[in-house]
Amino acid sequence: MDSERRRYARQATSIRVEMTHPAFGTLVGYTRDISDGGASVQLETEQVPPPGTLVHVIFKKIAGQINDDPVAMKVMHQEKNTIGLMFCPK
């Protein structure tokens, strides 16, 4: 039996992530992988938002931002300093 429940294919990549929330300010990390449904992000800090938290995310590359406006995402799970984020519908 296949235990993989993902609806979207994941692409391994490392993109800088700046995630903001009024309670903790801005946290910085890097994607481990990304898909059309969300991203796995390794944070540079031990401070990790709990599952269910809504955050605003900007993805950055070396030569600038990938998205101009922050994207709403929801923390789905966390393990140590790695979190799973899901894109929220617009």
PDB file of N, CA and C in Angstrom:
ATOM      1  N   MET A   1       0.844  -1.192   0.000  1.00  0.00           N
ATOM      2  CA  MET A   1       0.000   0.000   0.000  1.00  0.00           C
ATOM      3  C   MET A   1       0.877   1.240   0.000  1.00  0.00           C
ATOM      4  N   ASP A   2       0.561   2.197  -0.849  1.00  0.00           N
ATOM      5  CA  ASP A   2       1.342   3.423  -0.956  1.00  0.00           C
ATOM      6  C   ASP A   2       0.884   4.419   0.103  1.00  0.00           C
ATOM      7  N   SER A   3       1.803   4.878   0.951  1.00  0.00           N
ATOM      8  CA  SER A   3       1.439   5.796   2.021  1.00  0.00           C
ATOM      9  C   SER A   3       1.587   7.261   1.598  1.00  0.00           C
ATOM     10  N   GLU A   4       2.010   7.521   0.390  1.00  0.00           N
ATOM     11  CA  GLU A   4       2.176   8.894  -0.101  1.00  0.00           C
ATOM     12  C   GLU A   4       0.797   9.505  -0.337  1.00  0.00           C
ATOM     13  N   ARG A   5       0.501  10.610   0.359  1.00  0.00           N
ATOM     14  CA  ARG A   5      -0.812  11.232   0.264  1.00  0.00           C
ATOM     15  C   ARG A   5      -0.780  12.541  -0.513  1.00  0.00           C
ATOM     16  N   ARG A   6       0.331  12.919  -1.061  1.00  0.00           N
ATOM     17  CA  ARG A   6       0.464  14.225  -1.704  1.00  0.00           C
ATOM     18  C   ARG A   6      -0.317  14.305  -3.009  1.00  0.00           C
ATOM     19  N   ARG A   7      -0.923  15.469  -3.231  1.00  0.00           N
ATOM     20  CA  ARG A   7      -1.654  15.708  -4.477  1.00  0.00           C
ATOM     21  C   ARG A   7      -0.767  16.346  -5.536  1.00  0.00           C
ATOM     22  N   TYR A   8       0.347  16.944  -5.116  1.00  0.00           N
ATOM     23  CA  TYR A   8       1.216  17.682  -6.036  1.00  0.00           C
ATOM     24  C   TYR A   8       2.632  17.115  -5.993  1.00  0.00           C
ATOM     25  N   ALA A   9       3.261  17.065  -7.151  1.00  0.00           N
ATOM     26  CA  ALA A   9       4.651  16.596  -7.219  1.00  0.00           C
ATOM     27  C   ALA A   9       5.558  17.641  -6.579  1.00  0.00           C
ATOM     28  N   ARG A  10       6.510  17.171  -5.772  1.00  0.00           N
ATOM     29  CA  ARG A  10       7.454  18.073  -5.106  1.00  0.00           C
ATOM     30  C   ARG A  10       8.716  18.236  -5.949  1.00  0.00           C
ATOM     31  N   GLN A  11       9.268  19.439  -5.924  1.00  0.00           N
ATOM     32  CA  GLN A  11      10.511  19.731  -6.618  1.00  0.00           C
ATOM     33  C   GLN A  11      11.536  20.157  -5.565  1.00  0.00           C
ATOM     34  N   ALA A  12      12.635  19.401  -5.446  1.00  0.00           N
ATOM     35  CA  ALA A  12      13.684  19.772  -4.488  1.00  0.00           C
ATOM     36  C   ALA A  12      14.353  21.047  -4.968  1.00  0.00           C
ATOM     37  N   THR A  13      14.405  22.052  -4.096  1.00  0.00           N
ATOM     38  CA  THR A  13      15.015  23.326  -4.448  1.00  0.00           C
ATOM     39  C   THR A  13      15.302  24.114  -3.173  1.00  0.00           C
ATOM     40  N   SER A  14      16.216  25.049  -3.265  1.00  0.00           N
ATOM     41  CA  SER A  14      16.540  25.896  -2.124  1.00  0.00           C
ATOM     42  C   SER A  14      16.288  27.349  -2.500  1.00  0.00           C
ATOM     43  N   ILE A  15      15.190  27.891  -1.967  1.00  0.00           N
ATOM     44  CA  ILE A  15      14.809  29.285  -2.201  1.00  0.00           C
ATOM     45  C   ILE A  15      14.703  29.947  -0.839  1.00  0.00           C
ATOM     46  N   ARG A  16      15.257  31.159  -0.717  1.00  0.00           N
ATOM     47  CA  ARG A  16      15.160  31.902   0.543  1.00  0.00           C
ATOM     48  C   ARG A  16      13.699  32.266   0.811  1.00  0.00           C
ATOM     49  N   VAL A  17      13.286  32.083   2.060  1.00  0.00           N
ATOM     50  CA  VAL A  17      11.917  32.361   2.472  1.00  0.00           C
ATOM     51  C   VAL A  17      11.941  33.372   3.609  1.00  0.00           C
ATOM     52  N   GLU A  18      11.135  34.432   3.481  1.00  0.00           N
ATOM     53  CA  GLU A  18      10.921  35.375   4.580  1.00  0.00           C
ATOM     54  C   GLU A  18       9.451  35.270   4.959  1.00  0.00           C
ATOM     55  N   MET A  19       9.204  34.812   6.184  1.00  0.00           N
ATOM     56  CA  MET A  19       7.866  34.526   6.660  1.00  0.00           C
ATOM     57  C   MET A  19       7.534  35.491   7.796  1.00  0.00           C
ATOM     58  N   THR A  20       6.397  36.187   7.700  1.00  0.00           N
ATOM     59  CA  THR A  20       6.040  37.165   8.735  1.00  0.00           C
ATOM     60  C   THR A  20       4.700  36.830   9.381  1.00  0.00           C
ATOM     61  N   HIS A  21       4.615  37.238  10.650  1.00  0.00           N
ATOM     62  CA  HIS A  21       3.398  37.077  11.444  1.00  0.00           C
ATOM     63  C   HIS A  21       3.485  38.115  12.564  1.00  0.00           C
ATOM     64  N   PRO A  22       2.365  38.761  12.921  1.00  0.00           N
ATOM     65  CA  PRO A  22       2.407  39.797  13.966  1.00  0.00           C
ATOM     66  C   PRO A  22       2.975  39.319  15.300  1.00  0.00           C
ATOM     67  N   ALA A  23       2.788  38.060  15.654  1.00  0.00           N
ATOM     68  CA  ALA A  23       3.234  37.558  16.960  1.00  0.00           C
ATOM     69  C   ALA A  23       4.740  37.350  17.044  1.00  0.00           C
ATOM     70  N   PHE A  24       5.410  37.052  15.927  1.00  0.00           N
ATOM     71  CA  PHE A  24       6.844  36.761  16.006  1.00  0.00           C
ATOM     72  C   PHE A  24       7.692  37.542  15.017  1.00  0.00           C
ATOM     73  N   GLY A  25       7.107  38.441  14.254  1.00  0.00           N
ATOM     74  CA  GLY A  25       7.898  39.235  13.304  1.00  0.00           C
ATOM     75  C   GLY A  25       8.247  38.434  12.063  1.00  0.00           C
ATOM     76  N   THR A  26       9.498  38.545  11.620  1.00  0.00           N
ATOM     77  CA  THR A  26       9.943  37.864  10.405  1.00  0.00           C
ATOM     78  C   THR A  26      10.911  36.738  10.745  1.00  0.00           C
ATOM     79  N   LEU A  27      10.648  35.570  10.181  1.00  0.00           N
ATOM     80  CA  LEU A  27      11.541  34.421  10.300  1.00  0.00           C
ATOM     81  C   LEU A  27      12.100  34.127   8.919  1.00  0.00           C
ATOM     82  N   VAL A  28      13.364  33.715   8.864  1.00  0.00           N
ATOM     83  CA  VAL A  28      14.034  33.431   7.592  1.00  0.00           C
ATOM     84  C   VAL A  28      14.405  31.958   7.531  1.00  0.00           C
ATOM     85  N   GLY A  29      14.259  31.389   6.344  1.00  0.00           N
ATOM     86  CA  GLY A  29      14.638  30.001   6.128  1.00  0.00           C
ATOM     87  C   GLY A  29      14.821  29.734   4.658  1.00  0.00           C
ATOM     88  N   TYR A  30      14.931  28.458   4.318  1.00  0.00           N
ATOM     89  CA  TYR A  30      15.115  28.034   2.927  1.00  0.00           C
ATOM     90  C   TYR A  30      14.222  26.842   2.645  1.00  0.00           C
ATOM     91  N   THR A  31      13.640  26.825   1.436  1.00  0.00           N
ATOM     92  CA  THR A  31      12.828  25.679   1.066  1.00  0.00           C
ATOM     93  C   THR A  31      13.713  24.451   0.913  1.00  0.00           C
ATOM     94  N   ARG A  32      13.178  23.302   1.284  1.00  0.00           N
ATOM     95  CA  ARG A  32      13.820  22.016   1.000  1.00  0.00           C
ATOM     96  C   ARG A  32      13.205  21.454  -0.271  1.00  0.00           C
ATOM     97  N   ASP A  33      11.890  21.682  -0.392  1.00  0.00           N
ATOM     98  CA  ASP A  33      11.188  21.343  -1.627  1.00  0.00           C
ATOM     99  C   ASP A  33       9.940  22.215  -1.709  1.00  0.00           C
ATOM    100  N   ILE A  34       9.382  22.285  -2.921  1.00  0.00           N
ATOM    101  CA  ILE A  34       8.202  23.113  -3.153  1.00  0.00           C
ATOM    102  C   ILE A  34       7.325  22.420  -4.185  1.00  0.00           C
ATOM    103  N   SER A  35       6.017  22.666  -4.100  1.00  0.00           N
ATOM    104  CA  SER A  35       5.068  22.109  -5.058  1.00  0.00           C
ATOM    105  C   SER A  35       3.963  23.142  -5.273  1.00  0.00           C
ATOM    106  N   ASP A  36       2.986  22.806  -6.108  1.00  0.00           N
ATOM    107  CA  ASP A  36       1.853  23.702  -6.322  1.00  0.00           C
ATOM    108  C   ASP A  36       0.992  23.822  -5.069  1.00  0.00           C
ATOM    109  N   GLY A  37       1.141  22.905  -4.118  1.00  0.00           N
ATOM    110  CA  GLY A  37       0.335  22.924  -2.902  1.00  0.00           C
ATOM    111  C   GLY A  37       1.001  23.573  -1.711  1.00  0.00           C
ATOM    112  N   GLY A  38       2.338  23.649  -1.717  1.00  0.00           N
ATOM    113  CA  GLY A  38       3.021  24.213  -0.568  1.00  0.00           C
ATOM    114  C   GLY A  38       4.515  24.003  -0.623  1.00  0.00           C
ATOM    115  N   ALA A  39       5.157  24.099   0.547  1.00  0.00           N
ATOM    116  CA  ALA A  39       6.610  23.993   0.611  1.00  0.00           C
ATOM    117  C   ALA A  39       7.041  23.456   1.968  1.00  0.00           C
ATOM    118  N   SER A  40       8.175  22.776   1.960  1.00  0.00           N
ATOM    119  CA  SER A  40       8.833  22.369   3.187  1.00  0.00           C
ATOM    120  C   SER A  40       9.962  23.367   3.413  1.00  0.00           C
ATOM    121  N   VAL A  41       9.972  24.007   4.580  1.00  0.00           N
ATOM    122  CA  VAL A  41      10.922  25.096   4.849  1.00  0.00           C
ATOM    123  C   VAL A  41      11.722  24.793   6.101  1.00  0.00           C
ATOM    124  N   GLN A  42      13.029  24.916   5.983  1.00  0.00           N
ATOM    125  CA  GLN A  42      13.914  24.774   7.137  1.00  0.00           C
ATOM    126  C   GLN A  42      14.253  26.175   7.619  1.00  0.00           C
ATOM    127  N   LEU A  43      13.861  26.487   8.858  1.00  0.00           N
ATOM    128  CA  LEU A  43      14.075  27.815   9.422  1.00  0.00           C
ATOM    129  C   LEU A  43      15.459  27.928  10.043  1.00  0.00           C
ATOM    130  N   GLU A  44      15.970  29.162  10.071  1.00  0.00           N
ATOM    131  CA  GLU A  44      17.302  29.417  10.626  1.00  0.00           C
ATOM    132  C   GLU A  44      17.254  29.650  12.129  1.00  0.00           C
ATOM    133  N   THR A  45      16.119  29.456  12.745  1.00  0.00           N
ATOM    134  CA  THR A  45      15.949  29.718  14.159  1.00  0.00           C
ATOM    135  C   THR A  45      15.245  28.556  14.834  1.00  0.00           C
ATOM    136  N   GLU A  46      15.338  28.492  16.140  1.00  0.00           N
ATOM    137  CA  GLU A  46      14.624  27.469  16.894  1.00  0.00           C
ATOM    138  C   GLU A  46      13.168  27.875  17.104  1.00  0.00           C
ATOM    139  N   GLN A  47      12.854  29.188  16.923  1.00  0.00           N
ATOM    140  CA  GLN A  47      11.490  29.674  17.078  1.00  0.00           C
ATOM    141  C   GLN A  47      10.681  29.221  15.858  1.00  0.00           C
ATOM    142  N   VAL A  48       9.688  28.369  16.090  1.00  0.00           N
ATOM    143  CA  VAL A  48       8.900  27.804  15.005  1.00  0.00           C
ATOM    144  C   VAL A  48       7.426  28.030  15.304  1.00  0.00           C
ATOM    145  N   PRO A  49       6.683  28.598  14.342  1.00  0.00           N
ATOM    146  CA  PRO A  49       5.249  28.796  14.584  1.00  0.00           C
ATOM    147  C   PRO A  49       4.520  27.450  14.640  1.00  0.00           C
ATOM    148  N   PRO A  50       3.527  27.341  15.510  1.00  0.00           N
ATOM    149  CA  PRO A  50       2.810  26.072  15.659  1.00  0.00           C
ATOM    150  C   PRO A  50       1.887  25.791  14.467  1.00  0.00           C
ATOM    151  N   PRO A  51       1.548  24.518  14.258  1.00  0.00           N
ATOM    152  CA  PRO A  51       0.596  24.171  13.204  1.00  0.00           C
ATOM    153  C   PRO A  51      -0.697  24.971  13.350  1.00  0.00           C
ATOM    154  N   GLY A  52      -1.258  25.374  12.208  1.00  0.00           N
ATOM    155  CA  GLY A  52      -2.480  26.180  12.200  1.00  0.00           C
ATOM    156  C   GLY A  52      -2.219  27.663  12.049  1.00  0.00           C
ATOM    157  N   THR A  53      -0.968  28.094  12.254  1.00  0.00           N
ATOM    158  CA  THR A  53      -0.624  29.508  12.151  1.00  0.00           C
ATOM    159  C   THR A  53      -0.669  29.961  10.694  1.00  0.00           C
ATOM    160  N   LEU A  54      -1.312  31.094  10.442  1.00  0.00           N
ATOM    161  CA  LEU A  54      -1.317  31.700   9.111  1.00  0.00           C
ATOM    162  C   LEU A  54      -0.169  32.698   9.035  1.00  0.00           C
ATOM    163  N   VAL A  55       0.642  32.605   8.000  1.00  0.00           N
ATOM    164  CA  VAL A  55       1.803  33.471   7.833  1.00  0.00           C
ATOM    165  C   VAL A  55       1.783  34.063   6.425  1.00  0.00           C
ATOM    166  N   HIS A  56       2.553  35.134   6.244  1.00  0.00           N
ATOM    167  CA  HIS A  56       2.711  35.752   4.926  1.00  0.00           C
ATOM    168  C   HIS A  56       4.154  35.519   4.489  1.00  0.00           C
ATOM    169  N   VAL A  57       4.312  34.993   3.263  1.00  0.00           N
ATOM    170  CA  VAL A  57       5.612  34.522   2.799  1.00  0.00           C
ATOM    171  C   VAL A  57       6.044  35.233   1.526  1.00  0.00           C
ATOM    172  N   ILE A  58       7.325  35.618   1.508  1.00  0.00           N
ATOM    173  CA  ILE A  58       7.964  36.124   0.289  1.00  0.00           C
ATOM    174  C   ILE A  58       9.096  35.164  -0.038  1.00  0.00           C
ATOM    175  N   PHE A  59       9.105  34.686  -1.279  1.00  0.00           N
ATOM    176  CA  PHE A  59      10.171  33.817  -1.771  1.00  0.00           C
ATOM    177  C   PHE A  59      11.186  34.689  -2.502  1.00  0.00           C
ATOM    178  N   LYS A  60      12.472  34.487  -2.212  1.00  0.00           N
ATOM    179  CA  LYS A  60      13.517  35.321  -2.813  1.00  0.00           C
ATOM    180  C   LYS A  60      14.572  34.468  -3.489  1.00  0.00           C
ATOM    181  N   LYS A  61      15.100  34.994  -4.587  1.00  0.00           N
ATOM    182  CA  LYS A  61      16.248  34.379  -5.244  1.00  0.00           C
ATOM    183  C   LYS A  61      17.405  35.366  -5.152  1.00  0.00           C
ATOM    184  N   ILE A  62      18.559  34.990  -5.624  1.00  0.00           N
ATOM    185  CA  ILE A  62      19.743  35.841  -5.495  1.00  0.00           C
ATOM    186  C   ILE A  62      19.514  37.222  -6.096  1.00  0.00           C
ATOM    187  N   ALA A  63      18.843  37.276  -7.237  1.00  0.00           N
ATOM    188  CA  ALA A  63      18.663  38.549  -7.944  1.00  0.00           C
ATOM    189  C   ALA A  63      17.319  39.205  -7.662  1.00  0.00           C
ATOM    190  N   GLY A  64      16.720  38.961  -6.501  1.00  0.00           N
ATOM    191  CA  GLY A  64      15.479  39.648  -6.152  1.00  0.00           C
ATOM    192  C   GLY A  64      14.380  38.693  -5.733  1.00  0.00           C
ATOM    193  N   GLN A  65      13.207  39.282  -5.548  1.00  0.00           N
ATOM    194  CA  GLN A  65      12.051  38.531  -5.083  1.00  0.00           C
ATOM    195  C   GLN A  65      11.418  37.739  -6.214  1.00  0.00           C
ATOM    196  N   ILE A  66      10.836  36.609  -5.872  1.00  0.00           N
ATOM    197  CA  ILE A  66      10.069  35.817  -6.828  1.00  0.00           C
ATOM    198  C   ILE A  66       8.633  36.322  -6.868  1.00  0.00           C
ATOM    199  N   ASN A  67       8.068  36.632  -5.702  1.00  0.00           N
ATOM    200  CA  ASN A  67       6.716  37.192  -5.648  1.00  0.00           C
ATOM    201  C   ASN A  67       6.769  38.599  -5.066  1.00  0.00           C
ATOM    202  N   ASP A  68       6.041  39.530  -5.707  1.00  0.00           N
ATOM    203  CA  ASP A  68       6.034  40.924  -5.249  1.00  0.00           C
ATOM    204  C   ASP A  68       5.219  41.101  -3.973  1.00  0.00           C
ATOM    205  N   ASP A  69       4.073  40.444  -3.919  1.00  0.00           N
ATOM    206  CA  ASP A  69       3.212  40.551  -2.754  1.00  0.00           C
ATOM    207  C   ASP A  69       3.345  39.284  -1.912  1.00  0.00           C
ATOM    208  N   PRO A  70       3.332  39.425  -0.585  1.00  0.00           N
ATOM    209  CA  PRO A  70       3.414  38.237   0.265  1.00  0.00           C
ATOM    210  C   PRO A  70       2.270  37.274  -0.032  1.00  0.00           C
ATOM    211  N   VAL A  71       2.557  35.986   0.059  1.00  0.00           N
ATOM    212  CA  VAL A  71       1.587  34.935  -0.187  1.00  0.00           C
ATOM    213  C   VAL A  71       1.126  34.383   1.158  1.00  0.00           C
ATOM    214  N   ALA A  72      -0.190  34.215   1.316  1.00  0.00           N
ATOM    215  CA  ALA A  72      -0.736  33.638   2.547  1.00  0.00           C
ATOM    216  C   ALA A  72      -0.507  32.129   2.532  1.00  0.00           C
ATOM    217  N   MET A  73       0.062  31.627   3.635  1.00  0.00           N
ATOM    218  CA  MET A  73       0.313  30.197   3.767  1.00  0.00           C
ATOM    219  C   MET A  73      -0.029  29.774   5.194  1.00  0.00           C
ATOM    220  N   LYS A  74      -0.323  28.491   5.360  1.00  0.00           N
ATOM    221  CA  LYS A  74      -0.686  27.956   6.671  1.00  0.00           C
ATOM    222  C   LYS A  74       0.323  26.896   7.078  1.00  0.00           C
ATOM    223  N   VAL A  75       0.780  26.967   8.327  1.00  0.00           N
ATOM    224  CA  VAL A  75       1.683  25.954   8.860  1.00  0.00           C
ATOM    225  C   VAL A  75       0.857  24.686   9.090  1.00  0.00           C
ATOM    226  N   MET A  76       1.230  23.608   8.399  1.00  0.00           N
ATOM    227  CA  MET A  76       0.486  22.358   8.495  1.00  0.00           C
ATOM    228  C   MET A  76       1.110  21.395   9.505  1.00  0.00           C
ATOM    229  N   HIS A  77       2.442  21.397   9.583  1.00  0.00           N
ATOM    230  CA  HIS A  77       3.133  20.534  10.544  1.00  0.00           C
ATOM    231  C   HIS A  77       4.519  21.090  10.787  1.00  0.00           C
ATOM    232  N   GLN A  78       5.138  20.644  11.859  1.00  0.00           N
ATOM    233  CA  GLN A  78       6.513  21.064  12.170  1.00  0.00           C
ATOM    234  C   GLN A  78       7.230  19.945  12.894  1.00  0.00           C
ATOM    235  N   GLU A  79       8.524  19.862  12.593  1.00  0.00           N
ATOM    236  CA  GLU A  79       9.402  18.914  13.266  1.00  0.00           C
ATOM    237  C   GLU A  79      10.731  19.607  13.452  1.00  0.00           C
ATOM    238  N   LYS A  80      11.090  19.861  14.705  1.00  0.00           N
ATOM    239  CA  LYS A  80      12.278  20.653  15.038  1.00  0.00           C
ATOM    240  C   LYS A  80      12.168  21.995  14.340  1.00  0.00           C
ATOM    241  N   ASN A  81      13.133  22.363  13.468  1.00  0.00           N
ATOM    242  CA  ASN A  81      13.061  23.679  12.826  1.00  0.00           C
ATOM    243  C   ASN A  81      12.606  23.588  11.364  1.00  0.00           C
ATOM    244  N   THR A  82      11.949  22.491  11.000  1.00  0.00           N
ATOM    245  CA  THR A  82      11.413  22.340   9.647  1.00  0.00           C
ATOM    246  C   THR A  82       9.894  22.350   9.712  1.00  0.00           C
ATOM    247  N   ILE A  83       9.278  23.176   8.848  1.00  0.00           N
ATOM    248  CA  ILE A  83       7.823  23.272   8.830  1.00  0.00           C
ATOM    249  C   ILE A  83       7.292  22.968   7.430  1.00  0.00           C
ATOM    250  N   GLY A  84       6.076  22.485   7.411  1.00  0.00           N
ATOM    251  CA  GLY A  84       5.363  22.273   6.162  1.00  0.00           C
ATOM    252  C   GLY A  84       4.340  23.378   6.003  1.00  0.00           C
ATOM    253  N   LEU A  85       4.430  24.107   4.893  1.00  0.00           N
ATOM    254  CA  LEU A  85       3.514  25.210   4.625  1.00  0.00           C
ATOM    255  C   LEU A  85       2.600  24.842   3.462  1.00  0.00           C
ATOM    256  N   MET A  86       1.324  25.234   3.569  1.00  0.00           N
ATOM    257  CA  MET A  86       0.363  25.017   2.501  1.00  0.00           C
ATOM    258  C   MET A  86      -0.096  26.381   1.984  1.00  0.00           C
ATOM    259  N   PHE A  87      -0.117  26.539   0.645  1.00  0.00           N
ATOM    260  CA  PHE A  87      -0.654  27.770   0.073  1.00  0.00           C
ATOM    261  C   PHE A  87      -2.121  27.873   0.413  1.00  0.00           C
ATOM    262  N   CYS A  88      -2.562  29.069   0.855  1.00  0.00           N
ATOM    263  CA  CYS A  88      -3.972  29.302   1.157  1.00  0.00           C
ATOM    264  C   CYS A  88      -4.665  29.796  -0.105  1.00  0.00           C
ATOM    265  N   PRO A  89      -5.917  29.380  -0.324  1.00  0.00           N
ATOM    266  CA  PRO A  89      -6.642  29.868  -1.494  1.00  0.00           C
ATOM    267  C   PRO A  89      -6.829  31.378  -1.413  1.00  0.00           C
ATOM    268  N   LYS A  90      -6.852  32.000  -2.568  1.00  0.00           N
ATOM    269  CA  LYS A  90      -7.030  33.474  -2.596  1.00  0.00           C
ATOM    270  C   LYS A  90      -8.460  33.843  -2.340  1.00  0.00           C
TER     271      LYS A  90
END
